[in-house]
Structure formats: C-alpha cells, structure tokens
Amino acid sequence: MTGALRADAWRIAAAVPDPEVPVLTIADLGVLRGVEVDGDVVRVHITPTYSGCPAMDTIRDDIILALTAAGFPLVEVRTVLSPAWTTDWMSDAGRQKLAAYGIAPPTGRSASGSRGSTRSPIRIALSVRCPRCGSVDTREVSHFGSTSCKALYECRACLEPFDHFKVH
C-alpha cells in the first residue's frame, strides 16, 4: 500500500506548475527530487534551480496545497541543495514545452560532471535557435532575461526578442 501512496503523492507533486514558467511542471524542470511516505507523513524533496530562487516558497506552498487537497494530511517539503540543480535534470518534454511557449530551451550539457576534477571544459558560445522561426541568426541582448535562469536574446531573422533558458 505504501508504494501506491508514494506513486500517488509523486504524481500529484509532479503536476505542480513552476510559478515562473507555468507551462512546466516541477517534474519537467527537474526540481522535484524525491517523494517519501512514512505513515501519515509525505516528505517531498526539491532542489532550487539556483540558491535564493524566489519561486521556491511558492513551489513549497503549492506542493503542500496539492497534496493536502488530495487527502494527504501531513506534508513536509525539504529543500535539498546538494547536488546542485542542473539543466541536465530537465525532461525532454519540458524542453519541448519551453520551445512551444517561446523560450529557447537549454542546449548541451552542464559542466556539473567536472566537479572535483582539476580540469574543466572550455565553454564556447554556440548559436541559440529562435523558438519562433527556428533561425540560428540570434544574439544575446542581456545575460539576464525575465528571471536569472534565462538570458534575453534577439532573432535577427524574425526580429523577435525571446528568452533562452541558460545551461546550468
């Protein structure tokens, strides 16, 4: 029975939308790290996209509301900082939802796998594909877009501005 309760709790928590990009769920984003059921208590583990992310309080409250509304009487939400969140945790469905919403999804892999080594990858700037017209003739206008996780870009082909979700 506990396995079924855990699966139900995971499904409910996973459906909570990200307050900054509401087309994504916290599962799409990779913020939802785990769900445990221990008697009457459901413990949900989440990892912020960056430390100090202002959306985490809202995400926590939304998880508690969703689970208590579904009949789980006691819900604890724990923030897990290690390992640090990476865009590698985003689902393929989440990346597709971002593009359909008009935000260029992160491309490539993060450098998180190199932690602890004495060598790190050399980052090179690659073109960011416009989520509206598909052109790679784009330029970064500002390293920070509507949130710290995104950069503001401009497409030179269709002349539209767009956010690009940065690789972390």
N, C-alpha and C. Protein backbone atom coordinates (compact mmCIF):
# COMPACT_ATOMS: atom_id res chain seq x y z
N MET A 1 0.82 -1.21 0.00
CA MET A 1 0.00 0.00 0.00
C MET A 1 0.86 1.27 0.00
N THR A 2 2.00 1.24 0.73
CA THR A 2 2.86 2.42 0.80
C THR A 2 3.40 2.78 -0.59
N GLY A 3 3.71 1.77 -1.41
CA GLY A 3 4.19 2.03 -2.76
C GLY A 3 3.16 2.76 -3.60
N ALA A 4 1.89 2.36 -3.47
CA ALA A 4 0.82 3.02 -4.21
C ALA A 4 0.62 4.45 -3.71
N LEU A 5 0.70 4.65 -2.40
CA LEU A 5 0.57 6.01 -1.84
C LEU A 5 1.72 6.90 -2.31
N ARG A 6 2.92 6.32 -2.34
CA ARG A 6 4.08 7.08 -2.79
C ARG A 6 3.91 7.47 -4.26
N ALA A 7 3.44 6.53 -5.07
CA ALA A 7 3.23 6.82 -6.50
C ALA A 7 2.17 7.90 -6.68
N ASP A 8 1.10 7.85 -5.89
CA ASP A 8 0.06 8.89 -5.96
C ASP A 8 0.62 10.25 -5.54
N ALA A 9 1.38 10.25 -4.43
CA ALA A 9 1.97 11.50 -3.94
C ALA A 9 2.95 12.07 -4.97
N TRP A 10 3.74 11.20 -5.59
CA TRP A 10 4.68 11.66 -6.63
C TRP A 10 3.92 12.28 -7.79
N ARG A 11 2.88 11.61 -8.27
CA ARG A 11 2.09 12.09 -9.40
C ARG A 11 1.50 13.47 -9.11
N ILE A 12 0.98 13.65 -7.90
CA ILE A 12 0.36 14.93 -7.51
C ILE A 12 1.42 16.03 -7.40
N ALA A 13 2.52 15.73 -6.73
CA ALA A 13 3.59 16.73 -6.59
C ALA A 13 4.20 17.06 -7.95
N ALA A 14 4.38 16.05 -8.78
CA ALA A 14 5.00 16.25 -10.09
C ALA A 14 4.17 17.17 -10.99
N ALA A 15 2.88 17.25 -10.76
CA ALA A 15 2.00 18.07 -11.59
C ALA A 15 1.97 19.54 -11.18
N VAL A 16 2.64 19.89 -10.09
CA VAL A 16 2.66 21.29 -9.63
C VAL A 16 3.40 22.13 -10.67
N PRO A 17 2.78 23.21 -11.14
CA PRO A 17 3.45 24.04 -12.16
C PRO A 17 4.54 24.92 -11.56
N ASP A 18 5.54 25.21 -12.37
CA ASP A 18 6.56 26.18 -11.99
C ASP A 18 5.92 27.56 -12.03
N PRO A 19 6.01 28.36 -10.97
CA PRO A 19 5.33 29.66 -10.97
C PRO A 19 5.94 30.67 -11.94
N GLU A 20 7.19 30.49 -12.34
CA GLU A 20 7.82 31.43 -13.26
C GLU A 20 7.60 31.06 -14.73
N VAL A 21 7.48 29.78 -15.01
CA VAL A 21 7.22 29.29 -16.36
C VAL A 21 6.10 28.27 -16.24
N PRO A 22 4.85 28.73 -16.22
CA PRO A 22 3.73 27.86 -15.87
C PRO A 22 3.43 26.73 -16.84
N VAL A 23 4.06 26.69 -18.01
CA VAL A 23 3.87 25.55 -18.90
C VAL A 23 4.69 24.35 -18.45
N LEU A 24 5.63 24.58 -17.53
CA LEU A 24 6.46 23.50 -16.98
C LEU A 24 5.94 23.07 -15.63
N THR A 25 6.02 21.78 -15.36
CA THR A 25 5.78 21.30 -14.01
C THR A 25 7.13 21.23 -13.29
N ILE A 26 7.09 21.04 -11.98
CA ILE A 26 8.35 20.94 -11.26
C ILE A 26 9.07 19.64 -11.63
N ALA A 27 8.33 18.65 -12.12
CA ALA A 27 8.98 17.42 -12.61
C ALA A 27 9.66 17.69 -13.95
N ASP A 28 8.99 18.42 -14.85
CA ASP A 28 9.61 18.80 -16.13
C ASP A 28 10.92 19.54 -15.90
N LEU A 29 10.90 20.43 -14.93
CA LEU A 29 12.06 21.27 -14.63
C LEU A 29 13.18 20.50 -13.93
N GLY A 30 12.84 19.37 -13.31
CA GLY A 30 13.84 18.60 -12.59
C GLY A 30 14.04 19.07 -11.16
N VAL A 31 13.14 19.92 -10.68
CA VAL A 31 13.21 20.44 -9.31
C VAL A 31 12.73 19.39 -8.31
N LEU A 32 11.77 18.56 -8.70
CA LEU A 32 11.25 17.51 -7.83
C LEU A 32 12.27 16.38 -7.77
N ARG A 33 12.84 16.15 -6.60
CA ARG A 33 13.92 15.16 -6.46
C ARG A 33 13.47 13.86 -5.81
N GLY A 34 12.43 13.90 -4.99
CA GLY A 34 12.01 12.66 -4.35
C GLY A 34 10.75 12.85 -3.54
N VAL A 35 10.05 11.74 -3.34
CA VAL A 35 8.84 11.73 -2.51
C VAL A 35 8.90 10.47 -1.65
N GLU A 36 8.67 10.64 -0.36
CA GLU A 36 8.63 9.51 0.57
C GLU A 36 7.31 9.55 1.33
N VAL A 37 6.78 8.38 1.65
CA VAL A 37 5.60 8.30 2.50
C VAL A 37 5.99 7.48 3.72
N ASP A 38 5.81 8.08 4.90
CA ASP A 38 6.14 7.43 6.16
C ASP A 38 4.94 7.58 7.08
N GLY A 39 4.08 6.56 7.10
CA GLY A 39 2.84 6.65 7.87
C GLY A 39 1.94 7.69 7.26
N ASP A 40 1.57 8.70 8.06
CA ASP A 40 0.71 9.78 7.58
C ASP A 40 1.48 10.95 6.96
N VAL A 41 2.80 10.86 7.01
CA VAL A 41 3.63 11.98 6.56
C VAL A 41 4.15 11.74 5.14
N VAL A 42 3.98 12.75 4.30
CA VAL A 42 4.57 12.73 2.96
C VAL A 42 5.71 13.75 2.98
N ARG A 43 6.91 13.29 2.61
CA ARG A 43 8.07 14.18 2.52
C ARG A 43 8.43 14.34 1.05
N VAL A 44 8.49 15.58 0.63
CA VAL A 44 8.83 15.90 -0.75
C VAL A 44 10.16 16.63 -0.73
N HIS A 45 11.08 16.20 -1.58
CA HIS A 45 12.40 16.80 -1.67
C HIS A 45 12.48 17.58 -2.99
N ILE A 46 12.88 18.85 -2.87
CA ILE A 46 13.01 19.71 -4.05
C ILE A 46 14.38 20.38 -4.02
N THR A 47 14.89 20.68 -5.21
CA THR A 47 16.17 21.37 -5.35
C THR A 47 15.95 22.63 -6.16
N PRO A 48 16.35 23.79 -5.62
CA PRO A 48 16.15 25.04 -6.37
C PRO A 48 17.05 25.10 -7.59
N THR A 49 16.59 25.83 -8.60
CA THR A 49 17.40 26.00 -9.81
C THR A 49 18.67 26.80 -9.52
N TYR A 50 18.62 27.64 -8.52
CA TYR A 50 19.81 28.31 -8.01
C TYR A 50 19.50 28.73 -6.58
N SER A 51 20.53 28.88 -5.75
CA SER A 51 20.27 29.22 -4.36
C SER A 51 19.68 30.62 -4.30
N GLY A 52 18.67 30.76 -3.50
CA GLY A 52 17.99 32.04 -3.39
C GLY A 52 16.88 32.22 -4.39
N CYS A 53 16.53 31.16 -5.13
CA CYS A 53 15.46 31.26 -6.13
C CYS A 53 14.16 31.67 -5.43
N PRO A 54 13.56 32.80 -5.83
CA PRO A 54 12.37 33.29 -5.15
C PRO A 54 11.13 32.43 -5.37
N ALA A 55 11.16 31.55 -6.34
CA ALA A 55 9.99 30.71 -6.63
C ALA A 55 9.86 29.54 -5.65
N MET A 56 10.89 29.24 -4.89
CA MET A 56 10.87 28.04 -4.04
C MET A 56 9.79 28.10 -2.96
N ASP A 57 9.55 29.27 -2.38
CA ASP A 57 8.48 29.37 -1.37
C ASP A 57 7.12 29.07 -1.99
N THR A 58 6.89 29.59 -3.18
CA THR A 58 5.62 29.33 -3.86
C THR A 58 5.50 27.86 -4.23
N ILE A 59 6.58 27.27 -4.73
CA ILE A 59 6.57 25.85 -5.08
C ILE A 59 6.26 25.01 -3.85
N ARG A 60 6.92 25.33 -2.74
CA ARG A 60 6.67 24.60 -1.49
C ARG A 60 5.19 24.70 -1.09
N ASP A 61 4.65 25.90 -1.10
CA ASP A 61 3.25 26.10 -0.72
C ASP A 61 2.30 25.37 -1.68
N ASP A 62 2.61 25.40 -2.97
CA ASP A 62 1.76 24.73 -3.95
C ASP A 62 1.79 23.22 -3.80
N ILE A 63 2.96 22.66 -3.46
CA ILE A 63 3.06 21.22 -3.21
C ILE A 63 2.21 20.84 -2.00
N ILE A 64 2.32 21.61 -0.93
CA ILE A 64 1.55 21.33 0.29
C ILE A 64 0.06 21.42 -0.01
N LEU A 65 -0.37 22.45 -0.72
CA LEU A 65 -1.79 22.60 -1.07
C LEU A 65 -2.29 21.45 -1.93
N ALA A 66 -1.51 21.06 -2.93
CA ALA A 66 -1.93 19.98 -3.83
C ALA A 66 -2.06 18.66 -3.09
N LEU A 67 -1.10 18.36 -2.25
CA LEU A 67 -1.13 17.07 -1.54
C LEU A 67 -2.18 17.03 -0.44
N THR A 68 -2.35 18.12 0.30
CA THR A 68 -3.39 18.12 1.34
C THR A 68 -4.78 18.09 0.70
N ALA A 69 -4.96 18.76 -0.43
CA ALA A 69 -6.25 18.71 -1.14
C ALA A 69 -6.55 17.31 -1.64
N ALA A 70 -5.51 16.52 -1.89
CA ALA A 70 -5.69 15.14 -2.36
C ALA A 70 -5.85 14.16 -1.20
N GLY A 71 -5.83 14.67 0.03
CA GLY A 71 -6.10 13.81 1.18
C GLY A 71 -4.89 13.38 1.97
N PHE A 72 -3.72 13.91 1.67
CA PHE A 72 -2.54 13.60 2.47
C PHE A 72 -2.49 14.62 3.61
N PRO A 73 -2.68 14.17 4.86
CA PRO A 73 -2.86 15.12 5.97
C PRO A 73 -1.60 15.87 6.40
N LEU A 74 -0.45 15.24 6.33
CA LEU A 74 0.79 15.87 6.80
C LEU A 74 1.82 15.87 5.67
N VAL A 75 2.23 17.05 5.27
CA VAL A 75 3.18 17.18 4.16
C VAL A 75 4.36 18.02 4.61
N GLU A 76 5.55 17.49 4.40
CA GLU A 76 6.79 18.22 4.66
C GLU A 76 7.51 18.39 3.33
N VAL A 77 7.98 19.59 3.08
CA VAL A 77 8.77 19.85 1.88
C VAL A 77 10.16 20.23 2.33
N ARG A 78 11.12 19.48 1.84
CA ARG A 78 12.52 19.72 2.22
C ARG A 78 13.31 20.19 1.01
N THR A 79 14.13 21.20 1.23
CA THR A 79 14.99 21.72 0.18
C THR A 79 16.33 21.00 0.24
N VAL A 80 16.73 20.43 -0.87
CA VAL A 80 18.00 19.71 -0.98
C VAL A 80 18.93 20.53 -1.87
N LEU A 81 20.07 20.94 -1.32
CA LEU A 81 20.99 21.80 -2.07
C LEU A 81 22.13 21.04 -2.73
N SER A 82 22.35 19.80 -2.33
CA SER A 82 23.45 19.03 -2.91
C SER A 82 22.94 17.67 -3.33
N PRO A 83 23.18 17.30 -4.56
CA PRO A 83 23.91 18.04 -5.57
C PRO A 83 23.09 19.22 -6.08
N ALA A 84 23.81 20.21 -6.58
CA ALA A 84 23.15 21.40 -7.10
C ALA A 84 22.36 21.06 -8.36
N TRP A 85 21.25 21.77 -8.55
CA TRP A 85 20.40 21.56 -9.72
C TRP A 85 21.18 21.85 -10.99
N THR A 86 20.85 21.14 -12.02
CA THR A 86 21.46 21.34 -13.33
C THR A 86 20.37 21.23 -14.40
N THR A 87 20.54 21.93 -15.49
CA THR A 87 19.58 21.82 -16.59
C THR A 87 19.57 20.42 -17.18
N ASP A 88 20.58 19.62 -16.87
CA ASP A 88 20.59 18.23 -17.32
C ASP A 88 19.39 17.45 -16.75
N TRP A 89 18.83 17.93 -15.64
CA TRP A 89 17.71 17.26 -15.00
C TRP A 89 16.37 17.58 -15.66
N MET A 90 16.35 18.54 -16.56
CA MET A 90 15.10 18.88 -17.24
C MET A 90 14.69 17.72 -18.15
N SER A 91 13.41 17.45 -18.21
CA SER A 91 12.92 16.37 -19.07
C SER A 91 12.89 16.84 -20.53
N ASP A 92 12.91 15.88 -21.43
CA ASP A 92 12.77 16.21 -22.86
C ASP A 92 11.43 16.88 -23.11
N ALA A 93 10.39 16.39 -22.43
CA ALA A 93 9.06 17.01 -22.57
C ALA A 93 9.10 18.46 -22.10
N GLY A 94 9.83 18.73 -21.03
CA GLY A 94 9.96 20.10 -20.53
C GLY A 94 10.66 21.00 -21.52
N ARG A 95 11.70 20.49 -22.17
CA ARG A 95 12.42 21.27 -23.18
C ARG A 95 11.50 21.58 -24.36
N GLN A 96 10.69 20.61 -24.76
CA GLN A 96 9.74 20.83 -25.86
C GLN A 96 8.67 21.85 -25.46
N LYS A 97 8.21 21.77 -24.22
CA LYS A 97 7.21 22.73 -23.74
C LYS A 97 7.78 24.15 -23.73
N LEU A 98 9.05 24.29 -23.33
CA LEU A 98 9.69 25.61 -23.34
C LEU A 98 9.70 26.19 -24.75
N ALA A 99 10.13 25.40 -25.71
CA ALA A 99 10.21 25.88 -27.10
C ALA A 99 8.83 26.26 -27.62
N ALA A 100 7.82 25.45 -27.32
CA ALA A 100 6.45 25.75 -27.77
C ALA A 100 5.93 27.03 -27.11
N TYR A 101 6.41 27.33 -25.92
CA TYR A 101 5.99 28.52 -25.17
C TYR A 101 6.73 29.78 -25.63
N GLY A 102 7.79 29.59 -26.42
CA GLY A 102 8.55 30.73 -26.92
C GLY A 102 9.84 31.01 -26.17
N ILE A 103 10.29 30.04 -25.37
CA ILE A 103 11.55 30.17 -24.65
C ILE A 103 12.50 29.12 -25.22
N ALA A 104 13.66 29.56 -25.66
CA ALA A 104 14.65 28.61 -26.19
C ALA A 104 15.14 27.73 -25.04
N PRO A 105 15.02 26.42 -25.17
CA PRO A 105 15.46 25.54 -24.09
C PRO A 105 16.98 25.48 -24.01
N PRO A 106 17.51 25.04 -22.86
CA PRO A 106 18.95 24.91 -22.76
C PRO A 106 19.45 23.85 -23.74
N THR A 107 20.61 24.09 -24.28
CA THR A 107 21.20 23.13 -25.20
C THR A 107 22.54 22.69 -24.63
N GLY A 108 22.93 21.50 -24.91
CA GLY A 108 24.19 20.98 -24.41
C GLY A 108 24.06 20.47 -22.99
N ARG A 109 25.17 20.06 -22.44
CA ARG A 109 25.22 19.51 -21.09
C ARG A 109 25.92 20.53 -20.19
N SER A 110 25.57 20.46 -18.91
CA SER A 110 26.22 21.36 -17.95
C SER A 110 27.62 20.84 -17.66
N ALA A 111 28.40 21.65 -16.99
CA ALA A 111 29.75 21.26 -16.59
C ALA A 111 29.75 20.57 -15.23
N SER A 112 28.56 20.22 -14.71
CA SER A 112 28.48 19.67 -13.35
C SER A 112 29.24 18.37 -13.20
N GLY A 113 29.41 17.62 -14.27
CA GLY A 113 30.15 16.37 -14.19
C GLY A 113 31.63 16.56 -13.94
N SER A 114 32.11 17.77 -14.10
CA SER A 114 33.55 18.01 -13.94
C SER A 114 33.92 18.46 -12.53
N ARG A 115 32.94 18.54 -11.64
CA ARG A 115 33.25 18.98 -10.27
C ARG A 115 34.25 18.04 -9.63
N GLY A 116 35.17 18.62 -8.94
CA GLY A 116 36.15 17.81 -8.24
C GLY A 116 37.36 17.48 -9.11
N SER A 117 37.28 17.70 -10.39
CA SER A 117 38.44 17.45 -11.24
C SER A 117 39.26 18.74 -11.34
N THR A 118 40.49 18.60 -11.73
CA THR A 118 41.34 19.77 -11.86
C THR A 118 41.16 20.43 -13.21
N ARG A 119 40.49 19.75 -14.12
CA ARG A 119 40.26 20.30 -15.45
C ARG A 119 38.76 20.52 -15.63
N SER A 120 38.44 21.58 -16.31
CA SER A 120 37.04 21.83 -16.60
C SER A 120 36.89 22.09 -18.09
N PRO A 121 35.70 21.88 -18.60
CA PRO A 121 35.52 22.10 -20.04
C PRO A 121 35.64 23.59 -20.38
N ILE A 122 36.05 23.83 -21.59
CA ILE A 122 36.12 25.20 -22.09
C ILE A 122 34.79 25.48 -22.75
N ARG A 123 34.08 26.46 -22.24
CA ARG A 123 32.78 26.81 -22.80
C ARG A 123 32.96 27.70 -24.01
N ILE A 124 32.25 27.36 -25.06
CA ILE A 124 32.25 28.20 -26.25
C ILE A 124 30.82 28.61 -26.53
N ALA A 125 30.68 29.79 -27.05
CA ALA A 125 29.34 30.28 -27.36
C ALA A 125 28.86 29.67 -28.66
N LEU A 126 27.71 29.04 -28.61
CA LEU A 126 27.08 28.49 -29.80
C LEU A 126 25.82 29.29 -30.08
N SER A 127 25.32 29.16 -31.26
CA SER A 127 24.09 29.86 -31.61
C SER A 127 22.92 29.28 -30.82
N VAL A 128 22.01 30.16 -30.49
CA VAL A 128 20.78 29.75 -29.84
C VAL A 128 19.68 29.84 -30.88
N ARG A 129 18.95 28.75 -31.07
CA ARG A 129 17.89 28.70 -32.08
C ARG A 129 16.67 29.47 -31.60
N CYS A 130 16.15 30.32 -32.47
CA CYS A 130 14.94 31.10 -32.16
C CYS A 130 13.76 30.14 -32.03
N PRO A 131 13.04 30.20 -30.91
CA PRO A 131 11.89 29.30 -30.74
C PRO A 131 10.70 29.66 -31.62
N ARG A 132 10.73 30.83 -32.23
CA ARG A 132 9.61 31.25 -33.07
C ARG A 132 9.80 30.85 -34.53
N CYS A 133 10.97 31.18 -35.11
CA CYS A 133 11.16 30.91 -36.55
C CYS A 133 12.20 29.84 -36.82
N GLY A 134 12.97 29.44 -35.79
CA GLY A 134 13.96 28.39 -35.96
C GLY A 134 15.32 28.86 -36.44
N SER A 135 15.50 30.14 -36.67
CA SER A 135 16.78 30.66 -37.15
C SER A 135 17.84 30.57 -36.05
N VAL A 136 19.08 30.38 -36.48
CA VAL A 136 20.20 30.43 -35.53
C VAL A 136 20.94 31.76 -35.64
N ASP A 137 20.41 32.68 -36.42
CA ASP A 137 20.97 34.02 -36.54
C ASP A 137 20.40 34.87 -35.40
N THR A 138 20.93 34.63 -34.19
CA THR A 138 20.43 35.29 -32.98
C THR A 138 21.61 35.92 -32.24
N ARG A 139 21.28 36.80 -31.32
CA ARG A 139 22.33 37.41 -30.49
C ARG A 139 21.79 37.64 -29.08
N GLU A 140 22.70 37.53 -28.12
CA GLU A 140 22.35 37.80 -26.73
C GLU A 140 22.27 39.30 -26.52
N VAL A 141 21.15 39.76 -26.01
CA VAL A 141 20.95 41.17 -25.71
C VAL A 141 21.35 41.46 -24.27
N SER A 142 20.97 40.56 -23.37
CA SER A 142 21.28 40.70 -21.95
C SER A 142 21.48 39.31 -21.36
N HIS A 143 22.50 39.16 -20.53
CA HIS A 143 22.77 37.86 -19.92
C HIS A 143 21.66 37.45 -18.95
N PHE A 144 20.84 38.41 -18.53
CA PHE A 144 19.72 38.10 -17.65
C PHE A 144 18.43 38.51 -18.32
N GLY A 145 17.48 37.56 -18.39
CA GLY A 145 16.18 37.81 -19.00
C GLY A 145 15.14 38.07 -17.95
N SER A 146 13.96 37.49 -18.15
CA SER A 146 12.85 37.72 -17.22
C SER A 146 13.11 37.11 -15.86
N THR A 147 13.99 36.12 -15.77
CA THR A 147 14.45 35.58 -14.50
C THR A 147 15.95 35.35 -14.62
N SER A 148 16.61 35.09 -13.50
CA SER A 148 18.06 34.89 -13.52
C SER A 148 18.46 33.63 -14.28
N CYS A 149 17.54 32.69 -14.43
CA CYS A 149 17.82 31.44 -15.14
C CYS A 149 17.83 31.61 -16.65
N LYS A 150 17.39 32.76 -17.12
CA LYS A 150 17.26 32.97 -18.56
C LYS A 150 18.05 34.19 -19.01
N ALA A 151 18.45 34.16 -20.27
CA ALA A 151 19.11 35.30 -20.92
C ALA A 151 18.16 35.83 -21.99
N LEU A 152 18.25 37.12 -22.26
CA LEU A 152 17.40 37.73 -23.29
C LEU A 152 18.15 37.73 -24.62
N TYR A 153 17.49 37.19 -25.64
CA TYR A 153 18.06 37.11 -26.99
C TYR A 153 17.17 37.85 -27.97
N GLU A 154 17.75 38.12 -29.13
CA GLU A 154 17.02 38.73 -30.23
C GLU A 154 17.31 37.89 -31.48
N CYS A 155 16.28 37.63 -32.24
CA CYS A 155 16.44 36.92 -33.50
C CYS A 155 16.62 37.96 -34.61
N ARG A 156 17.68 37.79 -35.36
CA ARG A 156 17.94 38.73 -36.46
C ARG A 156 17.10 38.41 -37.69
N ALA A 157 16.54 37.20 -37.75
CA ALA A 157 15.73 36.81 -38.90
C ALA A 157 14.30 37.33 -38.78
N CYS A 158 13.65 37.04 -37.63
CA CYS A 158 12.25 37.47 -37.47
C CYS A 158 12.13 38.73 -36.61
N LEU A 159 13.26 39.19 -36.06
CA LEU A 159 13.34 40.41 -35.26
C LEU A 159 12.59 40.34 -33.93
N GLU A 160 12.26 39.14 -33.48
CA GLU A 160 11.55 38.97 -32.22
C GLU A 160 12.52 38.73 -31.07
N PRO A 161 12.24 39.33 -29.91
CA PRO A 161 13.03 39.00 -28.72
C PRO A 161 12.52 37.68 -28.12
N PHE A 162 13.39 36.98 -27.42
CA PHE A 162 12.98 35.75 -26.74
C PHE A 162 13.93 35.45 -25.60
N ASP A 163 13.44 34.69 -24.62
CA ASP A 163 14.27 34.23 -23.52
C ASP A 163 14.95 32.92 -23.93
N HIS A 164 16.14 32.72 -23.41
CA HIS A 164 16.87 31.45 -23.57
C HIS A 164 17.17 30.94 -22.17
N PHE A 165 16.70 29.73 -21.86
CA PHE A 165 16.96 29.11 -20.57
C PHE A 165 18.42 28.67 -20.56
N LYS A 166 19.23 29.29 -19.71
CA LYS A 166 20.67 29.05 -19.70
C LYS A 166 21.01 27.65 -19.18
N VAL A 167 22.10 27.10 -19.69
CA VAL A 167 22.62 25.82 -19.21
C VAL A 167 23.26 26.06 -17.87
N HIS A 168 22.87 25.26 -16.88
CA HIS A 168 23.46 25.35 -15.53
C HIS A 168 24.05 24.02 -15.18
